């Protein structure tokens, strides 16, 4: 008879606890308690809290990439519509938790990157991978005249991600969608406006 593994439950619990308490505030005891797993299960599966956090981050980013693909990969929509669809998907996800949860990539960038070279390095890889599909979508919009070509697509995509993370940070304080909707209004009226 094979022994039951608590690995999946611990990873899911880690995501929940890190959203609630942050990286520093999330102790191994908190995580295994949330997972209803024995304390030894954590060290059986993960060599350190830092390595564990990286795996939680990778899983979170994989889920985010699914949203990017769902929205930006839908060629039935124009580039501006695709970016707007992505915002709809993420705002809907954030609404489920009452706009309290935020983005794990942003949270770890603020809190863990200064303390963990492993996490800082992984985050530095995530941002360009996250922005690349946006840059492709923007370039397509620029080629059709739907989006202004005043800036390079890569720069626009990086700006969008950075400004979006700022809007999410503000959302965590107000606990409503207004900072996200404000971001949407301003971005579509300025950065993503049509060519003049």
Protein backbone atom coordinates (compact mmCIF):
# COMPACT_ATOMS: atom_id res chain seq x y z
CA UNK A 1 0.00 0.00 0.00
CA UNK A 2 1.44 3.38 -1.01
CA UNK A 3 1.80 6.15 1.52
CA UNK A 4 -0.45 9.20 1.05
CA UNK A 5 1.41 12.29 -0.15
CA UNK A 6 0.46 15.69 1.20
CA UNK A 7 2.50 17.54 -1.43
CA UNK A 8 -0.42 18.91 -3.48
CA UNK A 9 -2.38 19.98 -0.40
CA UNK A 10 0.70 21.74 1.00
CA UNK A 11 1.28 23.63 -2.26
CA UNK A 12 -2.35 24.77 -2.39
CA UNK A 13 -2.23 25.74 1.27
CA UNK A 14 0.99 27.65 0.69
CA UNK A 15 -0.65 29.79 -1.95
CA UNK A 16 -3.58 30.54 0.37
CA UNK A 17 -1.38 31.33 3.37
CA UNK A 18 1.08 33.46 1.37
CA UNK A 19 -1.78 35.53 -0.01
CA UNK A 20 -3.10 36.02 3.52
CA UNK A 21 0.14 36.51 5.47
CA UNK A 22 2.82 37.28 2.90
CA UNK A 23 6.07 35.43 2.36
CA UNK A 24 7.74 36.45 5.62
CA UNK A 25 4.60 35.95 7.71
CA UNK A 26 3.91 32.48 6.34
CA UNK A 27 5.46 29.93 8.63
CA UNK A 28 5.78 26.25 7.83
CA UNK A 29 3.43 25.53 10.76
CA UNK A 30 0.78 27.80 9.25
CA UNK A 31 1.10 26.11 5.87
CA UNK A 32 0.86 22.52 7.09
CA UNK A 33 -2.02 23.47 9.42
CA UNK A 34 -3.90 24.95 6.45
CA UNK A 35 -3.18 21.73 4.50
CA UNK A 36 -4.18 19.48 7.43
CA UNK A 37 -0.83 17.75 6.99
CA UNK A 38 1.77 16.65 9.53
CA UNK A 39 4.69 19.07 9.98
CA UNK A 40 7.20 16.50 8.70
CA UNK A 41 5.41 16.38 5.36
CA UNK A 42 6.77 19.79 4.44
CA UNK A 43 10.41 18.81 4.87
CA UNK A 44 9.75 15.49 3.11
CA UNK A 45 8.74 17.35 -0.05
CA UNK A 46 10.57 20.70 0.03
CA UNK A 47 14.19 21.43 0.90
CA UNK A 48 13.42 24.95 2.16
CA UNK A 49 10.68 27.53 2.50
CA UNK A 50 12.39 29.48 -0.28
CA UNK A 51 12.29 26.52 -2.71
CA UNK A 52 8.68 25.89 -1.70
CA UNK A 53 7.74 29.53 -2.41
CA UNK A 54 9.35 29.29 -5.84
CA UNK A 55 7.21 26.26 -6.66
CA UNK A 56 4.06 28.06 -5.45
CA UNK A 57 5.06 31.04 -7.61
CA UNK A 58 5.61 28.80 -10.65
CA UNK A 59 2.15 27.28 -10.22
CA UNK A 60 0.58 30.69 -9.84
CA UNK A 61 2.34 31.93 -12.99
CA UNK A 62 1.19 28.85 -14.92
CA UNK A 63 -2.40 29.73 -14.03
CA UNK A 64 -1.83 33.33 -15.07
CA UNK A 65 -0.36 32.21 -18.41
CA UNK A 66 -3.58 30.27 -19.04
CA UNK A 67 -5.54 33.53 -18.67
CA UNK A 68 -3.09 35.29 -21.00
CA UNK A 69 -3.51 32.56 -23.60
CA UNK A 70 -7.30 32.49 -23.23
CA UNK A 71 -7.56 36.24 -23.84
CA UNK A 72 -4.66 37.14 -26.12
CA UNK A 73 -4.85 33.94 -28.13
CA UNK A 74 -8.44 34.59 -29.24
CA UNK A 75 -7.84 35.82 -32.79
CA UNK A 76 -11.56 36.44 -33.29
CA UNK A 77 -11.03 39.61 -31.26
CA UNK A 78 -9.03 42.68 -32.21
CA UNK A 79 -5.80 43.33 -30.25
CA UNK A 80 -7.46 45.99 -28.06
CA UNK A 81 -10.41 43.67 -27.41
CA UNK A 82 -8.03 40.86 -26.44
CA UNK A 83 -6.20 43.02 -23.90
CA UNK A 84 -9.54 44.18 -22.53
CA UNK A 85 -10.65 40.53 -22.29
CA UNK A 86 -7.54 39.73 -20.24
CA UNK A 87 -8.43 42.52 -17.80
CA UNK A 88 -11.98 41.14 -17.53
CA UNK A 89 -10.67 37.65 -16.69
CA UNK A 90 -8.29 38.90 -13.98
CA UNK A 91 -10.79 41.35 -12.48
CA UNK A 92 -13.31 38.49 -12.25
CA UNK A 93 -10.71 36.34 -10.46
CA UNK A 94 -9.89 39.15 -8.03
CA UNK A 95 -13.59 39.80 -7.34
CA UNK A 96 -14.05 36.22 -6.09
CA UNK A 97 -11.88 37.08 -3.06
CA UNK A 98 -13.47 40.46 -2.46
CA UNK A 99 -10.49 42.28 -4.02
CA UNK A 100 -8.31 41.35 -1.03
CA UNK A 101 -5.94 38.82 -2.59
CA UNK A 102 -3.93 40.68 -5.22
CA UNK A 103 -1.21 39.15 -7.39
CA UNK A 104 1.36 36.74 -5.99
CA UNK A 105 3.95 37.95 -8.51
CA UNK A 106 3.59 41.51 -7.25
CA UNK A 107 3.44 40.44 -3.61
CA UNK A 108 6.63 38.40 -3.85
CA UNK A 109 8.35 41.15 -5.85
CA UNK A 110 7.72 43.57 -2.99
CA UNK A 111 8.40 41.28 -0.08
CA UNK A 112 10.56 38.32 -1.06
CA UNK A 113 12.81 39.63 -3.84
CA UNK A 114 14.94 41.70 -1.43
CA UNK A 115 15.39 38.65 0.84
CA UNK A 116 15.73 35.76 -1.57
CA UNK A 117 18.06 35.68 -4.58
CA UNK A 118 16.31 32.51 -5.79
CA UNK A 119 12.91 34.23 -5.84
CA UNK A 120 14.31 37.50 -7.21
CA UNK A 121 15.91 35.60 -10.09
CA UNK A 122 12.72 33.68 -10.84
CA UNK A 123 10.68 36.89 -10.77
CA UNK A 124 13.16 38.55 -13.14
CA UNK A 125 12.46 35.68 -15.59
CA UNK A 126 8.69 35.84 -15.14
CA UNK A 127 8.16 39.50 -16.04
CA UNK A 128 9.53 39.32 -19.63
CA UNK A 129 7.74 36.00 -20.21
CA UNK A 130 4.50 37.58 -18.95
CA UNK A 131 4.85 40.73 -21.08
CA UNK A 132 5.94 39.03 -24.33
CA UNK A 133 2.43 38.00 -25.48
CA UNK A 134 1.21 41.53 -24.75
CA UNK A 135 4.03 42.94 -26.88
CA UNK A 136 3.01 40.63 -29.75
CA UNK A 137 -0.62 41.67 -29.42
CA UNK A 138 0.33 45.37 -29.32
CA UNK A 139 2.58 44.98 -32.38
CA UNK A 140 -0.35 43.42 -34.24
CA UNK A 141 -2.55 46.34 -33.19
CA UNK A 142 0.08 48.82 -34.32
CA UNK A 143 0.39 47.12 -37.71
CA UNK A 144 -3.38 47.44 -38.25
CA UNK A 145 -3.51 51.03 -36.96
CA UNK A 146 -5.70 50.09 -34.00
CA UNK A 147 -2.98 50.97 -31.47
CA UNK A 148 -0.66 53.98 -31.59
CA UNK A 149 2.89 53.28 -32.68
CA UNK A 150 4.31 56.10 -30.53
CA UNK A 151 6.18 53.53 -28.40
CA UNK A 152 7.85 50.20 -29.00
CA UNK A 153 5.57 47.20 -28.32
CA UNK A 154 8.01 45.74 -25.73
CA UNK A 155 8.12 49.02 -23.81
CA UNK A 156 4.34 49.36 -23.91
CA UNK A 157 3.87 45.80 -22.67
CA UNK A 158 6.34 46.30 -19.80
CA UNK A 159 4.57 49.53 -18.87
CA UNK A 160 1.16 47.84 -18.92
CA UNK A 161 2.31 45.08 -16.57
CA UNK A 162 3.99 47.53 -14.17
CA UNK A 163 1.01 49.91 -14.11
CA UNK A 164 -1.40 46.98 -13.69
CA UNK A 165 0.58 45.74 -10.69
CA UNK A 166 0.34 49.23 -9.20
CA UNK A 167 -3.44 49.23 -9.75
CA UNK A 168 -3.68 45.85 -8.00
CA UNK A 169 -1.67 47.18 -5.06
CA UNK A 170 -4.08 50.11 -4.76
CA UNK A 171 -7.04 47.71 -5.09
CA UNK A 172 -5.83 45.76 -2.06
CA UNK A 173 -6.23 48.96 -0.01
CA UNK A 174 -9.61 50.06 -1.39
CA UNK A 175 -10.92 46.48 -1.69
CA UNK A 176 -12.95 47.28 -4.77
CA UNK A 177 -12.52 47.25 -8.54
CA UNK A 178 -12.20 51.02 -9.01
CA UNK A 179 -8.37 51.16 -9.21
CA UNK A 180 -8.50 48.41 -11.85
CA UNK A 181 -11.24 50.13 -13.82
CA UNK A 182 -9.36 53.44 -13.58
CA UNK A 183 -6.30 51.69 -15.01
CA UNK A 184 -8.44 50.36 -17.86
CA UNK A 185 -9.96 53.77 -18.65
CA UNK A 186 -6.62 55.58 -18.69
CA UNK A 187 -4.68 52.94 -20.60
CA UNK A 188 -7.24 52.59 -23.38
CA UNK A 189 -7.55 56.38 -23.69
CA UNK A 190 -3.77 56.94 -23.82
CA UNK A 191 -1.25 54.12 -24.27
CA UNK A 192 -3.54 51.84 -26.26
CA UNK A 193 -5.37 54.54 -28.22
CA UNK A 194 -5.54 54.35 -32.00
CA UNK A 195 -3.02 55.93 -34.32
CA UNK A 196 -3.78 59.58 -35.08
